[in-house]
Amino acid sequence: MPPHAPHLIAILGATGNQGSSVSMSLLANPSTFRVRTLTRNTTSSAALALASAGAEVVHADAFNRQDMLAAFHGAWGVFVNTNSDDPVFMMDGGRLTEFDLGRVIVDAAADAGVKHVVLSSGPPCGEMTGGKVMMRAMEMKYKTEQYAKRLNRFNTITAINAAWYLENFLVKEVAPVFGGFPHQPDAEGILTFRVPRWGGDDVVPFLGIKDDFGDLVQGVFLDPERWNGKVVHGASDMRTFEELVGDFEAVTGKRSRYQPVLPTWEAFDIHGIAELDDVKLMFGFTQTTGGRYFSPEPSEIGTAAKLKRATAVALGRGYDQARLITAREWFGRQYAASKF
């Protein structure tokens, strides 16, 4: 990328897992990027932390077109991740959808003259399963992505679809739904991970949000033309569930195992937790698609590795920081025997 005044990147969803990772990665490269984080609560602890790190924190309600126009003013690029669990989508019988929100955001970005858009998107569930499985959140994000492309008002549009967050294993409250792993041993004293089979070769993409996601997005913004129109598989590592629990056991010394929920994904009990509806459907989706998750193409991490290296080069990082984190390394950091 040639010398220039730092490009302004506006980040919608900046205080969430994805947005904060993107913000922190871009803030590490101040000669190339300036960061404007958009949030409805500028006094939250997450917003204040971003401000302390050097971000411009701006109040913006994504449903308000004027807020969006002002927030995107002067931005060269935007990263957008909408919150699929926003309570507003449950109000008035679901009158407003995530796509309605996405359309307001995309229209405002176009009218503000934004050149480069990176969207946190999802796979075309209906298309890939012949209408058999529809993950609401993923379908809405994909619909927004397609709308942005049809507008034909941006220089580049890149979708990045996030894999299974490794950080989800930190949430103790929902561990019982997944057999208790990695927090609560079962009656035999074993940490058991109990979910349906993935499908296909049963190799599952996992993502270290904090470690890698932001660097992947920065890699796109470093060379947006190269990645225009692409769907980036946002993953750090690819493991079967058996391999995953094996990684955990190897670094913690805790007896662990994977027990598949059989015979199909439909037997997976989410205990009436509405927020996990799409998680259950995810297994239906991947069992139907033969293990494909991001797109009709087989899942891969080669592209993510290239983007990670590009960001490392731009930041002058060494080899160890130019690699995607592995599940074993992530578990070692979070659950090493001395801390477990």
C-alpha atoms as a PDB file:
ATOM      1  CA  MET A   1       0.000   0.000   0.000  1.00  0.00           C
ATOM      2  CA  PRO A   2       1.615   3.342  -1.066  1.00  0.00           C
ATOM      3  CA  PRO A   3       2.299   6.179   1.412  1.00  0.00           C
ATOM      4  CA  HIS A   4      -0.760   8.259   2.256  1.00  0.00           C
ATOM      5  CA  ALA A   5      -2.512   9.975   5.104  1.00  0.00           C
ATOM      6  CA  PRO A   6      -4.003   7.255   7.331  1.00  0.00           C
ATOM      7  CA  HIS A   7      -7.259   5.874   5.974  1.00  0.00           C
ATOM      8  CA  LEU A   8     -10.275   6.285   8.247  1.00  0.00           C
ATOM      9  CA  ILE A   9     -12.061   3.008   9.000  1.00  0.00           C
ATOM     10  CA  ALA A  10     -15.479   3.184  10.671  1.00  0.00           C
ATOM     11  CA  ILE A  11     -16.370   0.105  12.691  1.00  0.00           C
ATOM     12  CA  LEU A  12     -19.988  -0.772  13.404  1.00  0.00           C
ATOM     13  CA  GLY A  13     -20.407  -3.225  16.249  1.00  0.00           C
ATOM     14  CA  ALA A  14     -17.108  -2.017  17.671  1.00  0.00           C
ATOM     15  CA  THR A  15     -17.749  -3.034  21.280  1.00  0.00           C
ATOM     16  CA  GLY A  16     -18.613  -6.637  20.435  1.00  0.00           C
ATOM     17  CA  ASN A  17     -16.191  -9.530  20.050  1.00  0.00           C
ATOM     18  CA  GLN A  18     -15.597  -9.056  16.350  1.00  0.00           C
ATOM     19  CA  GLY A  19     -15.597  -5.273  16.301  1.00  0.00           C
ATOM     20  CA  SER A  20     -13.235  -4.879  19.243  1.00  0.00           C
ATOM     21  CA  SER A  21     -10.782  -7.310  17.648  1.00  0.00           C
ATOM     22  CA  VAL A  22     -10.888  -5.341  14.392  1.00  0.00           C
ATOM     23  CA  SER A  23     -10.483  -2.055  16.248  1.00  0.00           C
ATOM     24  CA  MET A  24      -7.458  -3.210  18.233  1.00  0.00           C
ATOM     25  CA  SER A  25      -5.743  -4.648  15.167  1.00  0.00           C
ATOM     26  CA  LEU A  26      -6.191  -1.456  13.140  1.00  0.00           C
ATOM     27  CA  LEU A  27      -5.141   0.733  16.072  1.00  0.00           C
ATOM     28  CA  ALA A  28      -1.815  -1.097  16.070  1.00  0.00           C
ATOM     29  CA  ASN A  29      -1.165   0.361  12.600  1.00  0.00           C
ATOM     30  CA  PRO A  30      -1.633   4.141  13.073  1.00  0.00           C
ATOM     31  CA  SER A  31       0.521   5.088  10.072  1.00  0.00           C
ATOM     32  CA  THR A  32      -1.974   3.356   7.781  1.00  0.00           C
ATOM     33  CA  PHE A  33      -5.348   3.536   9.531  1.00  0.00           C
ATOM     34  CA  ARG A  34      -7.412   5.743  11.798  1.00  0.00           C
ATOM     35  CA  VAL A  35     -10.223   4.086  13.701  1.00  0.00           C
ATOM     36  CA  ARG A  36     -13.700   5.436  14.349  1.00  0.00           C
ATOM     37  CA  THR A  37     -15.803   3.135  16.512  1.00  0.00           C
ATOM     38  CA  LEU A  38     -19.578   3.432  16.404  1.00  0.00           C
ATOM     39  CA  THR A  39     -21.697   2.536  19.409  1.00  0.00           C
ATOM     40  CA  ARG A  40     -25.018   3.392  21.010  1.00  0.00           C
ATOM     41  CA  ASN A  41     -23.316   3.618  24.418  1.00  0.00           C
ATOM     42  CA  THR A  42     -20.157   5.716  24.388  1.00  0.00           C
ATOM     43  CA  THR A  43     -19.724   5.372  28.162  1.00  0.00           C
ATOM     44  CA  SER A  44     -19.666   1.556  28.297  1.00  0.00           C
ATOM     45  CA  SER A  45     -16.484  -0.041  29.602  1.00  0.00           C
ATOM     46  CA  ALA A  46     -15.767  -1.464  26.143  1.00  0.00           C
ATOM     47  CA  ALA A  47     -16.187   1.936  24.473  1.00  0.00           C
ATOM     48  CA  LEU A  48     -13.998   3.653  27.056  1.00  0.00           C
ATOM     49  CA  ALA A  49     -11.309   0.992  26.579  1.00  0.00           C
ATOM     50  CA  LEU A  50     -11.302   1.641  22.834  1.00  0.00           C
ATOM     51  CA  ALA A  51     -11.071   5.383  23.418  1.00  0.00           C
ATOM     52  CA  SER A  52      -8.112   4.834  25.751  1.00  0.00           C
ATOM     53  CA  ALA A  53      -6.450   2.756  23.026  1.00  0.00           C
ATOM     54  CA  GLY A  54      -6.722   5.664  20.590  1.00  0.00           C
ATOM     55  CA  ALA A  55     -10.014   5.141  18.793  1.00  0.00           C
ATOM     56  CA  GLU A  56     -12.447   7.927  17.992  1.00  0.00           C
ATOM     57  CA  VAL A  57     -15.645   6.816  19.712  1.00  0.00           C
ATOM     58  CA  VAL A  58     -18.859   8.124  18.142  1.00  0.00           C
ATOM     59  CA  HIS A  59     -22.464   7.690  19.239  1.00  0.00           C
ATOM     60  CA  ALA A  60     -24.586   6.209  16.479  1.00  0.00           C
ATOM     61  CA  ASP A  61     -27.890   4.357  16.312  1.00  0.00           C
ATOM     62  CA  ALA A  62     -27.634   2.085  13.293  1.00  0.00           C
ATOM     63  CA  PHE A  63     -31.377   2.364  12.641  1.00  0.00           C
ATOM     64  CA  ASN A  64     -31.024   6.152  12.331  1.00  0.00           C
ATOM     65  CA  ARG A  65     -29.992   7.129   8.818  1.00  0.00           C
ATOM     66  CA  GLN A  66     -28.732  10.569   9.861  1.00  0.00           C
ATOM     67  CA  ASP A  67     -26.599   9.024  12.603  1.00  0.00           C
ATOM     68  CA  MET A  68     -25.104   6.665  10.065  1.00  0.00           C
ATOM     69  CA  LEU A  69     -24.406   9.371   7.498  1.00  0.00           C
ATOM     70  CA  ALA A  70     -22.597  11.442  10.113  1.00  0.00           C
ATOM     71  CA  ALA A  71     -20.701   8.440  11.473  1.00  0.00           C
ATOM     72  CA  PHE A  72     -19.530   7.375   8.012  1.00  0.00           C
ATOM     73  CA  HIS A  73     -18.568  10.892   6.883  1.00  0.00           C
ATOM     74  CA  GLY A  74     -14.996  10.884   5.634  1.00  0.00           C
ATOM     75  CA  ALA A  75     -14.559   7.133   6.063  1.00  0.00           C
ATOM     76  CA  TRP A  76     -12.491   5.333   3.426  1.00  0.00           C
ATOM     77  CA  GLY A  77     -13.645   1.950   4.648  1.00  0.00           C
ATOM     78  CA  VAL A  78     -16.182   0.383   6.993  1.00  0.00           C
ATOM     79  CA  PHE A  79     -16.396  -2.889   8.868  1.00  0.00           C
ATOM     80  CA  VAL A  80     -19.954  -3.915   9.694  1.00  0.00           C
ATOM     81  CA  ASN A  81     -21.154  -6.565  12.106  1.00  0.00           C
ATOM     82  CA  THR A  82     -24.786  -6.365  13.133  1.00  0.00           C
ATOM     83  CA  ASN A  83     -25.978  -7.926  16.380  1.00  0.00           C
ATOM     84  CA  SER A  84     -28.324 -10.763  15.472  1.00  0.00           C
ATOM     85  CA  ASP A  85     -29.553 -10.988  19.077  1.00  0.00           C
ATOM     86  CA  ASP A  86     -30.482  -7.316  19.390  1.00  0.00           C
ATOM     87  CA  PRO A  87     -33.769  -7.159  21.351  1.00  0.00           C
ATOM     88  CA  VAL A  88     -35.202  -4.771  18.767  1.00  0.00           C
ATOM     89  CA  PHE A  89     -35.690  -7.738  16.421  1.00  0.00           C
ATOM     90  CA  MET A  90     -38.000  -9.363  18.970  1.00  0.00           C
ATOM     91  CA  MET A  91     -40.234  -6.311  19.376  1.00  0.00           C
ATOM     92  CA  ASP A  92     -43.587  -5.864  17.647  1.00  0.00           C
ATOM     93  CA  GLY A  93     -43.631  -9.473  16.542  1.00  0.00           C
ATOM     94  CA  GLY A  94     -40.328  -9.159  14.737  1.00  0.00           C
ATOM     95  CA  ARG A  95     -41.509  -6.327  12.502  1.00  0.00           C
ATOM     96  CA  LEU A  96     -37.939  -5.116  12.008  1.00  0.00           C
ATOM     97  CA  THR A  97     -35.351  -7.617  10.803  1.00  0.00           C
ATOM     98  CA  GLU A  98     -31.584  -7.695  10.751  1.00  0.00           C
ATOM     99  CA  PHE A  99     -31.766  -7.142   7.006  1.00  0.00           C
ATOM    100  CA  ASP A 100     -33.762  -3.933   7.545  1.00  0.00           C
ATOM    101  CA  LEU A 101     -30.907  -2.754   9.746  1.00  0.00           C
ATOM    102  CA  GLY A 102     -28.298  -3.863   7.238  1.00  0.00           C
ATOM    103  CA  ARG A 103     -30.011  -1.986   4.439  1.00  0.00           C
ATOM    104  CA  VAL A 104     -29.994   1.295   6.406  1.00  0.00           C
ATOM    105  CA  ILE A 105     -26.286   0.842   7.135  1.00  0.00           C
ATOM    106  CA  VAL A 106     -25.331  -0.043   3.559  1.00  0.00           C
ATOM    107  CA  ASP A 107     -27.365   2.798   2.051  1.00  0.00           C
ATOM    108  CA  ALA A 108     -25.796   5.310   4.430  1.00  0.00           C
ATOM    109  CA  ALA A 109     -22.292   4.048   3.690  1.00  0.00           C
ATOM    110  CA  ALA A 110     -22.912   4.412  -0.040  1.00  0.00           C
ATOM    111  CA  ASP A 111     -24.360   7.912   0.320  1.00  0.00           C
ATOM    112  CA  ALA A 112     -21.424   8.935   2.526  1.00  0.00           C
ATOM    113  CA  GLY A 113     -18.985   7.951  -0.198  1.00  0.00           C
ATOM    114  CA  VAL A 114     -17.370   4.971   1.538  1.00  0.00           C
ATOM    115  CA  LYS A 115     -15.109   3.139  -0.895  1.00  0.00           C
ATOM    116  CA  HIS A 116     -14.375  -0.202   0.773  1.00  0.00           C
ATOM    117  CA  VAL A 117     -16.762  -2.395   2.766  1.00  0.00           C
ATOM    118  CA  VAL A 118     -15.995  -5.495   4.819  1.00  0.00           C
ATOM    119  CA  LEU A 119     -19.134  -7.255   6.025  1.00  0.00           C
ATOM    120  CA  SER A 120     -19.380  -9.913   8.693  1.00  0.00           C
ATOM    121  CA  SER A 121     -21.654 -12.183   6.718  1.00  0.00           C
ATOM    122  CA  GLY A 122     -22.945 -15.725   6.597  1.00  0.00           C
ATOM    123  CA  PRO A 123     -23.575 -18.556   4.167  1.00  0.00           C
ATOM    124  CA  PRO A 124     -26.614 -18.803   1.883  1.00  0.00           C
ATOM    125  CA  CYS A 125     -28.356 -21.382   4.054  1.00  0.00           C
ATOM    126  CA  GLY A 126     -31.467 -21.852   1.966  1.00  0.00           C
ATOM    127  CA  GLU A 127     -29.524 -22.094  -1.265  1.00  0.00           C
ATOM    128  CA  MET A 128     -26.999 -24.576   0.127  1.00  0.00           C
ATOM    129  CA  THR A 129     -29.617 -26.878   1.687  1.00  0.00           C
ATOM    130  CA  GLY A 130     -32.392 -26.607  -0.867  1.00  0.00           C
ATOM    131  CA  GLY A 131     -34.479 -24.752   1.695  1.00  0.00           C
ATOM    132  CA  LYS A 132     -34.223 -27.527   4.301  1.00  0.00           C
ATOM    133  CA  VAL A 133     -32.317 -25.516   6.925  1.00  0.00           C
ATOM    134  CA  MET A 134     -32.539 -21.755   7.488  1.00  0.00           C
ATOM    135  CA  MET A 135     -30.341 -20.144  10.132  1.00  0.00           C
ATOM    136  CA  ARG A 136     -32.074 -16.819  10.660  1.00  0.00           C
ATOM    137  CA  ALA A 137     -28.999 -14.774  11.563  1.00  0.00           C
ATOM    138  CA  MET A 138     -26.819 -16.144   8.774  1.00  0.00           C
ATOM    139  CA  GLU A 139     -29.526 -15.718   6.153  1.00  0.00           C
ATOM    140  CA  MET A 140     -30.076 -12.073   7.159  1.00  0.00           C
ATOM    141  CA  LYS A 141     -26.357 -11.301   6.999  1.00  0.00           C
ATOM    142  CA  TYR A 142     -26.043 -12.969   3.612  1.00  0.00           C
ATOM    143  CA  LYS A 143     -29.048 -11.016   2.356  1.00  0.00           C
ATOM    144  CA  THR A 144     -27.377  -7.764   3.448  1.00  0.00           C
ATOM    145  CA  GLU A 145     -24.164  -8.767   1.662  1.00  0.00           C
ATOM    146  CA  GLN A 146     -26.034  -9.434  -1.575  1.00  0.00           C
ATOM    147  CA  TYR A 147     -27.905  -6.134  -1.283  1.00  0.00           C
ATOM    148  CA  ALA A 148     -24.622  -4.248  -0.904  1.00  0.00           C
ATOM    149  CA  LYS A 149     -23.233  -5.940  -4.020  1.00  0.00           C
ATOM    150  CA  ARG A 150     -26.342  -5.166  -6.074  1.00  0.00           C
ATOM    151  CA  LEU A 151     -26.065  -1.480  -5.242  1.00  0.00           C
ATOM    152  CA  ASN A 152     -22.791  -1.363  -7.171  1.00  0.00           C
ATOM    153  CA  ARG A 153     -21.726   1.821  -5.348  1.00  0.00           C
ATOM    154  CA  PHE A 154     -18.574   0.648  -3.580  1.00  0.00           C
ATOM    155  CA  ASN A 155     -15.108   0.095  -5.001  1.00  0.00           C
ATOM    156  CA  THR A 156     -14.840  -3.204  -3.141  1.00  0.00           C
ATOM    157  CA  ILE A 157     -16.998  -5.450  -0.967  1.00  0.00           C
ATOM    158  CA  THR A 158     -15.540  -8.362   0.967  1.00  0.00           C
ATOM    159  CA  ALA A 159     -17.451 -10.798   3.162  1.00  0.00           C
ATOM    160  CA  ILE A 160     -15.820 -12.485   6.130  1.00  0.00           C
ATOM    161  CA  ASN A 161     -17.734 -15.340   7.740  1.00  0.00           C
ATOM    162  CA  ALA A 162     -16.685 -16.144  11.294  1.00  0.00           C
ATOM    163  CA  ALA A 163     -16.116 -19.745  12.397  1.00  0.00           C
ATOM    164  CA  TRP A 164     -17.012 -21.289  15.777  1.00  0.00           C
ATOM    165  CA  TYR A 165     -15.554 -18.932  18.388  1.00  0.00           C
ATOM    166  CA  LEU A 166     -13.016 -20.608  20.650  1.00  0.00           C
ATOM    167  CA  GLU A 167     -14.014 -17.928  23.141  1.00  0.00           C
ATOM    168  CA  ASN A 168     -17.411 -19.620  23.456  1.00  0.00           C
ATOM    169  CA  PHE A 169     -15.676 -22.216  25.614  1.00  0.00           C
ATOM    170  CA  LEU A 170     -15.139 -19.518  28.249  1.00  0.00           C
ATOM    171  CA  VAL A 171     -18.878 -19.153  28.879  1.00  0.00           C
ATOM    172  CA  LYS A 172     -19.623 -21.340  31.888  1.00  0.00           C
ATOM    173  CA  GLU A 173     -23.364 -20.655  31.904  1.00  0.00           C
ATOM    174  CA  VAL A 174     -24.092 -22.563  28.684  1.00  0.00           C
ATOM    175  CA  ALA A 175     -21.574 -25.368  29.198  1.00  0.00           C
ATOM    176  CA  PRO A 176     -24.277 -27.804  30.470  1.00  0.00           C
ATOM    177  CA  VAL A 177     -26.029 -27.600  27.090  1.00  0.00           C
ATOM    178  CA  PHE A 178     -22.834 -28.924  25.498  1.00  0.00           C
ATOM    179  CA  GLY A 179     -22.284 -31.707  28.019  1.00  0.00           C
ATOM    180  CA  GLY A 180     -20.415 -29.553  30.543  1.00  0.00           C
ATOM    181  CA  PHE A 181     -17.125 -29.270  28.637  1.00  0.00           C
ATOM    182  CA  PRO A 182     -14.766 -27.650  29.565  1.00  0.00           C
ATOM    183  CA  HIS A 183     -16.122 -26.536  32.953  1.00  0.00           C
ATOM    184  CA  GLN A 184     -18.336 -29.192  34.530  1.00  0.00           C
ATOM    185  CA  PRO A 185     -17.376 -32.899  34.707  1.00  0.00           C
ATOM    186  CA  ASP A 186     -20.122 -35.448  34.150  1.00  0.00           C
ATOM    187  CA  ALA A 187     -21.182 -38.199  36.575  1.00  0.00           C
ATOM    188  CA  GLU A 188     -18.067 -40.181  35.654  1.00  0.00           C
ATOM    189  CA  GLY A 189     -15.807 -37.241  36.441  1.00  0.00           C
ATOM    190  CA  ILE A 190     -15.003 -36.628  32.762  1.00  0.00           C
ATOM    191  CA  LEU A 191     -15.297 -33.322  30.923  1.00  0.00           C
ATOM    192  CA  THR A 192     -17.622 -34.388  28.131  1.00  0.00           C
ATOM    193  CA  PHE A 193     -18.334 -32.404  24.986  1.00  0.00           C
ATOM    194  CA  ARG A 194     -21.708 -33.577  23.693  1.00  0.00           C
ATOM    195  CA  VAL A 195     -22.934 -32.129  20.404  1.00  0.00           C
ATOM    196  CA  PRO A 196     -24.060 -33.572  17.046  1.00  0.00           C
ATOM    197  CA  ARG A 197     -21.588 -34.657  14.403  1.00  0.00           C
ATOM    198  CA  TRP A 198     -20.483 -31.845  12.093  1.00  0.00           C
ATOM    199  CA  GLY A 199     -20.993 -33.682   8.825  1.00  0.00           C
ATOM    200  CA  GLY A 200     -18.750 -34.539   5.899  1.00  0.00           C
ATOM    201  CA  ASP A 201     -15.255 -35.360   7.172  1.00  0.00           C
ATOM    202  CA  ASP A 202     -16.256 -33.890  10.569  1.00  0.00           C
ATOM    203  CA  VAL A 203     -13.453 -31.310  10.486  1.00  0.00           C
ATOM    204  CA  VAL A 204     -14.757 -28.126  12.139  1.00  0.00           C
ATOM    205  CA  PRO A 205     -13.440 -24.564  11.670  1.00  0.00           C
ATOM    206  CA  PHE A 206     -12.628 -22.716  14.903  1.00  0.00           C
ATOM    207  CA  LEU A 207     -11.690 -19.064  15.390  1.00  0.00           C
ATOM    208  CA  GLY A 208      -9.703 -17.200  17.994  1.00  0.00           C
ATOM    209  CA  ILE A 209     -11.587 -13.918  17.842  1.00  0.00           C
ATOM    210  CA  LYS A 210      -9.194 -11.853  19.923  1.00  0.00           C
ATOM    211  CA  ASP A 211      -6.055 -13.369  18.432  1.00  0.00           C
ATOM    212  CA  ASP A 212      -6.889 -13.514  14.741  1.00  0.00           C
ATOM    213  CA  PHE A 213     -10.163 -12.015  13.565  1.00  0.00           C
ATOM    214  CA  GLY A 214      -9.078  -8.375  13.594  1.00  0.00           C
ATOM    215  CA  ASP A 215      -5.856  -9.205  11.781  1.00  0.00           C
ATOM    216  CA  LEU A 216      -7.820 -10.947   9.026  1.00  0.00           C
ATOM    217  CA  VAL A 217      -9.967  -7.864   8.500  1.00  0.00           C
ATOM    218  CA  GLN A 218      -6.918  -5.587   8.555  1.00  0.00           C
ATOM    219  CA  GLY A 219      -5.349  -7.852   5.934  1.00  0.00           C
ATOM    220  CA  VAL A 220      -8.336  -7.189   3.690  1.00  0.00           C
ATOM    221  CA  PHE A 221      -8.128  -3.415   4.183  1.00  0.00           C
ATOM    222  CA  LEU A 222      -4.399  -3.480   3.396  1.00  0.00           C
ATOM    223  CA  ASP A 223      -5.230  -4.677  -0.136  1.00  0.00           C
ATOM    224  CA  PRO A 224      -8.993  -4.394  -0.677  1.00  0.00           C
ATOM    225  CA  GLU A 225      -8.884  -4.794  -4.443  1.00  0.00           C
ATOM    226  CA  ARG A 226      -7.260  -8.212  -4.094  1.00  0.00           C
ATOM    227  CA  TRP A 227     -10.073  -9.464  -1.879  1.00  0.00           C
ATOM    228  CA  ASN A 228     -12.962  -7.758  -3.643  1.00  0.00           C
ATOM    229  CA  GLY A 229     -15.946 -10.069  -4.012  1.00  0.00           C
ATOM    230  CA  LYS A 230     -14.340 -12.821  -1.946  1.00  0.00           C
ATOM    231  CA  VAL A 231     -15.818 -14.711   0.986  1.00  0.00           C
ATOM    232  CA  VAL A 232     -13.079 -15.025   3.593  1.00  0.00           C
ATOM    233  CA  HIS A 233     -13.340 -18.138   5.742  1.00  0.00           C
ATOM    234  CA  GLY A 234     -12.744 -16.572   9.146  1.00  0.00           C
ATOM    235  CA  ALA A 235     -11.043 -19.462  10.925  1.00  0.00           C
ATOM    236  CA  SER A 236      -7.857 -20.041  12.902  1.00  0.00           C
ATOM    237  CA  ASP A 237      -7.753 -23.834  13.039  1.00  0.00           C
ATOM    238  CA  MET A 238      -9.590 -26.883  11.696  1.00  0.00           C
ATOM    239  CA  ARG A 239     -10.153 -29.771  14.114  1.00  0.00           C
ATOM    240  CA  THR A 240     -12.552 -32.654  14.596  1.00  0.00           C
ATOM    241  CA  PHE A 241     -14.376 -32.599  17.904  1.00  0.00           C
ATOM    242  CA  GLU A 242     -12.290 -35.599  19.005  1.00  0.00           C
ATOM    243  CA  GLU A 243      -9.103 -33.687  18.194  1.00  0.00           C
ATOM    244  CA  LEU A 244     -10.388 -30.579  19.938  1.00  0.00           C
ATOM    245  CA  VAL A 245     -11.034 -32.281  23.270  1.00  0.00           C
ATOM    246  CA  GLY A 246      -7.735 -34.089  22.845  1.00  0.00           C
ATOM    247  CA  ASP A 247      -5.993 -30.729  22.561  1.00  0.00           C
ATOM    248  CA  PHE A 248      -7.688 -29.589  25.755  1.00  0.00           C
ATOM    249  CA  GLU A 249      -6.759 -32.756  27.637  1.00  0.00           C
ATOM    250  CA  ALA A 250      -3.140 -32.533  26.458  1.00  0.00           C
ATOM    251  CA  VAL A 251      -2.602 -29.046  27.882  1.00  0.00           C
ATOM    252  CA  THR A 252      -4.676 -29.358  31.057  1.00  0.00           C
ATOM    253  CA  GLY A 253      -4.321 -32.962  32.077  1.00  0.00           C
ATOM    254  CA  LYS A 254      -8.092 -33.120  32.612  1.00  0.00           C
ATOM    255  CA  ARG A 255      -9.872 -36.243  31.360  1.00  0.00           C
ATOM    256  CA  SER A 256     -12.015 -35.192  28.423  1.00  0.00           C
ATOM    257  CA  ARG A 257     -14.007 -36.817  25.655  1.00  0.00           C
ATOM    258  CA  TYR A 258     -16.383 -36.150  22.810  1.00  0.00           C
ATOM    259  CA  GLN A 259     -19.736 -37.945  22.702  1.00  0.00           C
ATOM    260  CA  PRO A 260     -21.809 -37.340  19.570  1.00  0.00           C
ATOM    261  CA  VAL A 261     -25.514 -36.608  19.869  1.00  0.00           C
ATOM    262  CA  LEU A 262     -27.216 -39.228  17.745  1.00  0.00           C
ATOM    263  CA  PRO A 263     -28.836 -40.065  15.421  1.00  0.00           C
ATOM    264  CA  THR A 264     -29.013 -36.566  13.878  1.00  0.00           C
ATOM    265  CA  TRP A 265     -28.794 -32.904  14.807  1.00  0.00           C
ATOM    266  CA  GLU A 266     -32.495 -32.879  15.636  1.00  0.00           C
ATOM    267  CA  ALA A 267     -31.775 -34.821  18.851  1.00  0.00           C
ATOM    268  CA  PHE A 268     -29.677 -31.946  20.230  1.00  0.00           C
ATOM    269  CA  ASP A 269     -31.489 -30.482  23.272  1.00  0.00           C
ATOM    270  CA  ILE A 270     -30.903 -26.741  23.713  1.00  0.00           C
ATOM    271  CA  HIS A 271     -33.211 -26.625  26.753  1.00  0.00           C
ATOM    272  CA  GLY A 272     -35.512 -23.987  25.298  1.00  0.00           C
ATOM    273  CA  ILE A 273     -32.778 -21.319  25.059  1.00  0.00           C
ATOM    274  CA  ALA A 274     -33.941 -19.211  22.113  1.00  0.00           C
ATOM    275  CA  GLU A 275     -30.470 -17.738  21.529  1.00  0.00           C
ATOM    276  CA  LEU A 276     -29.229 -21.270  20.751  1.00  0.00           C
ATOM    277  CA  ASP A 277     -31.819 -21.991  18.052  1.00  0.00           C
ATOM    278  CA  ASP A 278     -29.341 -21.103  15.316  1.00  0.00           C
ATOM    279  CA  VAL A 279     -26.634 -23.159  17.026  1.00  0.00           C
ATOM    280  CA  LYS A 280     -28.824 -26.244  16.743  1.00  0.00           C
ATOM    281  CA  LEU A 281     -29.694 -25.379  13.164  1.00  0.00           C
ATOM    282  CA  MET A 282     -25.977 -24.946  12.446  1.00  0.00           C
ATOM    283  CA  PHE A 283     -25.517 -28.679  12.926  1.00  0.00           C
ATOM    284  CA  GLY A 284     -28.474 -29.351  10.665  1.00  0.00           C
ATOM    285  CA  PHE A 285     -26.910 -27.050   8.105  1.00  0.00           C
ATOM    286  CA  THR A 286     -23.463 -28.656   8.146  1.00  0.00           C
ATOM    287  CA  GLN A 287     -24.834 -32.209   8.227  1.00  0.00           C
ATOM    288  CA  THR A 288     -26.906 -31.335   5.160  1.00  0.00           C
ATOM    289  CA  THR A 289     -24.017 -29.620   3.306  1.00  0.00           C
ATOM    290  CA  GLY A 290     -21.461 -32.339   3.976  1.00  0.00           C
ATOM    291  CA  GLY A 291     -19.527 -30.222   6.472  1.00  0.00           C
ATOM    292  CA  ARG A 292     -19.412 -27.008   4.453  1.00  0.00           C
ATOM    293  CA  TYR A 293     -20.040 -23.968   6.647  1.00  0.00           C
ATOM    294  CA  PHE A 294     -18.789 -20.730   5.098  1.00  0.00           C
ATOM    295  CA  SER A 295     -19.968 -21.131   1.523  1.00  0.00           C
ATOM    296  CA  PRO A 296     -20.542 -23.811  -1.119  1.00  0.00           C
ATOM    297  CA  GLU A 297     -16.743 -24.188  -1.210  1.00  0.00           C
ATOM    298  CA  PRO A 298     -14.975 -26.532   1.246  1.00  0.00           C
ATOM    299  CA  SER A 299     -13.796 -24.829   4.438  1.00  0.00           C
ATOM    300  CA  GLU A 300     -10.135 -23.762   4.432  1.00  0.00           C
ATOM    301  CA  ILE A 301      -7.709 -21.619   6.432  1.00  0.00           C
ATOM    302  CA  GLY A 302      -5.168 -20.893   3.710  1.00  0.00           C
ATOM    303  CA  THR A 303      -6.721 -17.523   2.923  1.00  0.00           C
ATOM    304  CA  ALA A 304      -6.864 -16.589   6.601  1.00  0.00           C
ATOM    305  CA  ALA A 305      -3.184 -17.504   6.940  1.00  0.00           C
ATOM    306  CA  LYS A 306      -2.299 -15.160   4.054  1.00  0.00           C
ATOM    307  CA  LEU A 307      -4.263 -12.296   5.611  1.00  0.00           C
ATOM    308  CA  LYS A 308      -2.665 -12.901   9.020  1.00  0.00           C
ATOM    309  CA  ARG A 309       0.815 -12.795   7.466  1.00  0.00           C
ATOM    310  CA  ALA A 310       0.019  -9.616   5.527  1.00  0.00           C
ATOM    311  CA  THR A 311      -0.987  -7.861   8.733  1.00  0.00           C
ATOM    312  CA  ALA A 312       2.100  -9.163  10.542  1.00  0.00           C
ATOM    313  CA  VAL A 313       4.328  -7.774   7.803  1.00  0.00           C
ATOM    314  CA  ALA A 314       2.575  -4.403   7.937  1.00  0.00           C
ATOM    315  CA  LEU A 315       3.054  -4.283  11.716  1.00  0.00           C
ATOM    316  CA  GLY A 316       6.637  -5.537  11.660  1.00  0.00           C
ATOM    317  CA  ARG A 317       5.775  -8.602  13.718  1.00  0.00           C
ATOM    318  CA  GLY A 318       7.918 -11.706  13.978  1.00  0.00           C
ATOM    319  CA  TYR A 319       7.088 -15.238  12.849  1.00  0.00           C
ATOM    320  CA  ASP A 320       5.302 -16.279  16.038  1.00  0.00           C
ATOM    321  CA  GLN A 321       2.828 -13.413  15.643  1.00  0.00           C
ATOM    322  CA  ALA A 322       2.339 -14.077  11.938  1.00  0.00           C
ATOM    323  CA  ARG A 323       0.681 -17.467  12.502  1.00  0.00           C
ATOM    324  CA  LEU A 324      -2.945 -18.261  13.153  1.00  0.00           C
ATOM    325  CA  ILE A 325      -3.486 -19.543  16.666  1.00  0.00           C
ATOM    326  CA  THR A 326      -4.186 -23.263  17.027  1.00  0.00           C
ATOM    327  CA  ALA A 327      -6.889 -24.696  19.267  1.00  0.00           C
ATOM    328  CA  ARG A 328      -4.206 -26.356  21.390  1.00  0.00           C
ATOM    329  CA  GLU A 329      -2.354 -23.073  21.852  1.00  0.00           C
ATOM    330  CA  TRP A 330      -5.578 -21.289  22.709  1.00  0.00           C
ATOM    331  CA  PHE A 331      -6.580 -23.867  25.321  1.00  0.00           C
ATOM    332  CA  GLY A 332      -3.053 -23.762  26.721  1.00  0.00           C
ATOM    333  CA  ARG A 333      -3.316 -20.036  27.231  1.00  0.00           C
ATOM    334  CA  GLN A 334      -6.798 -20.113  28.757  1.00  0.00           C
ATOM    335  CA  TYR A 335      -6.825 -23.371  30.697  1.00  0.00           C
ATOM    336  CA  ALA A 336      -3.220 -24.311  31.474  1.00  0.00           C
ATOM    337  CA  ALA A 337      -2.985 -26.607  34.515  1.00  0.00           C
ATOM    338  CA  SER A 338      -1.642 -23.785  36.656  1.00  0.00           C
ATOM    339  CA  LYS A 339      -4.765 -21.718  36.024  1.00  0.00           C
ATOM    340  CA  PHE A 340      -7.492 -24.326  35.641  1.00  0.00           C
END
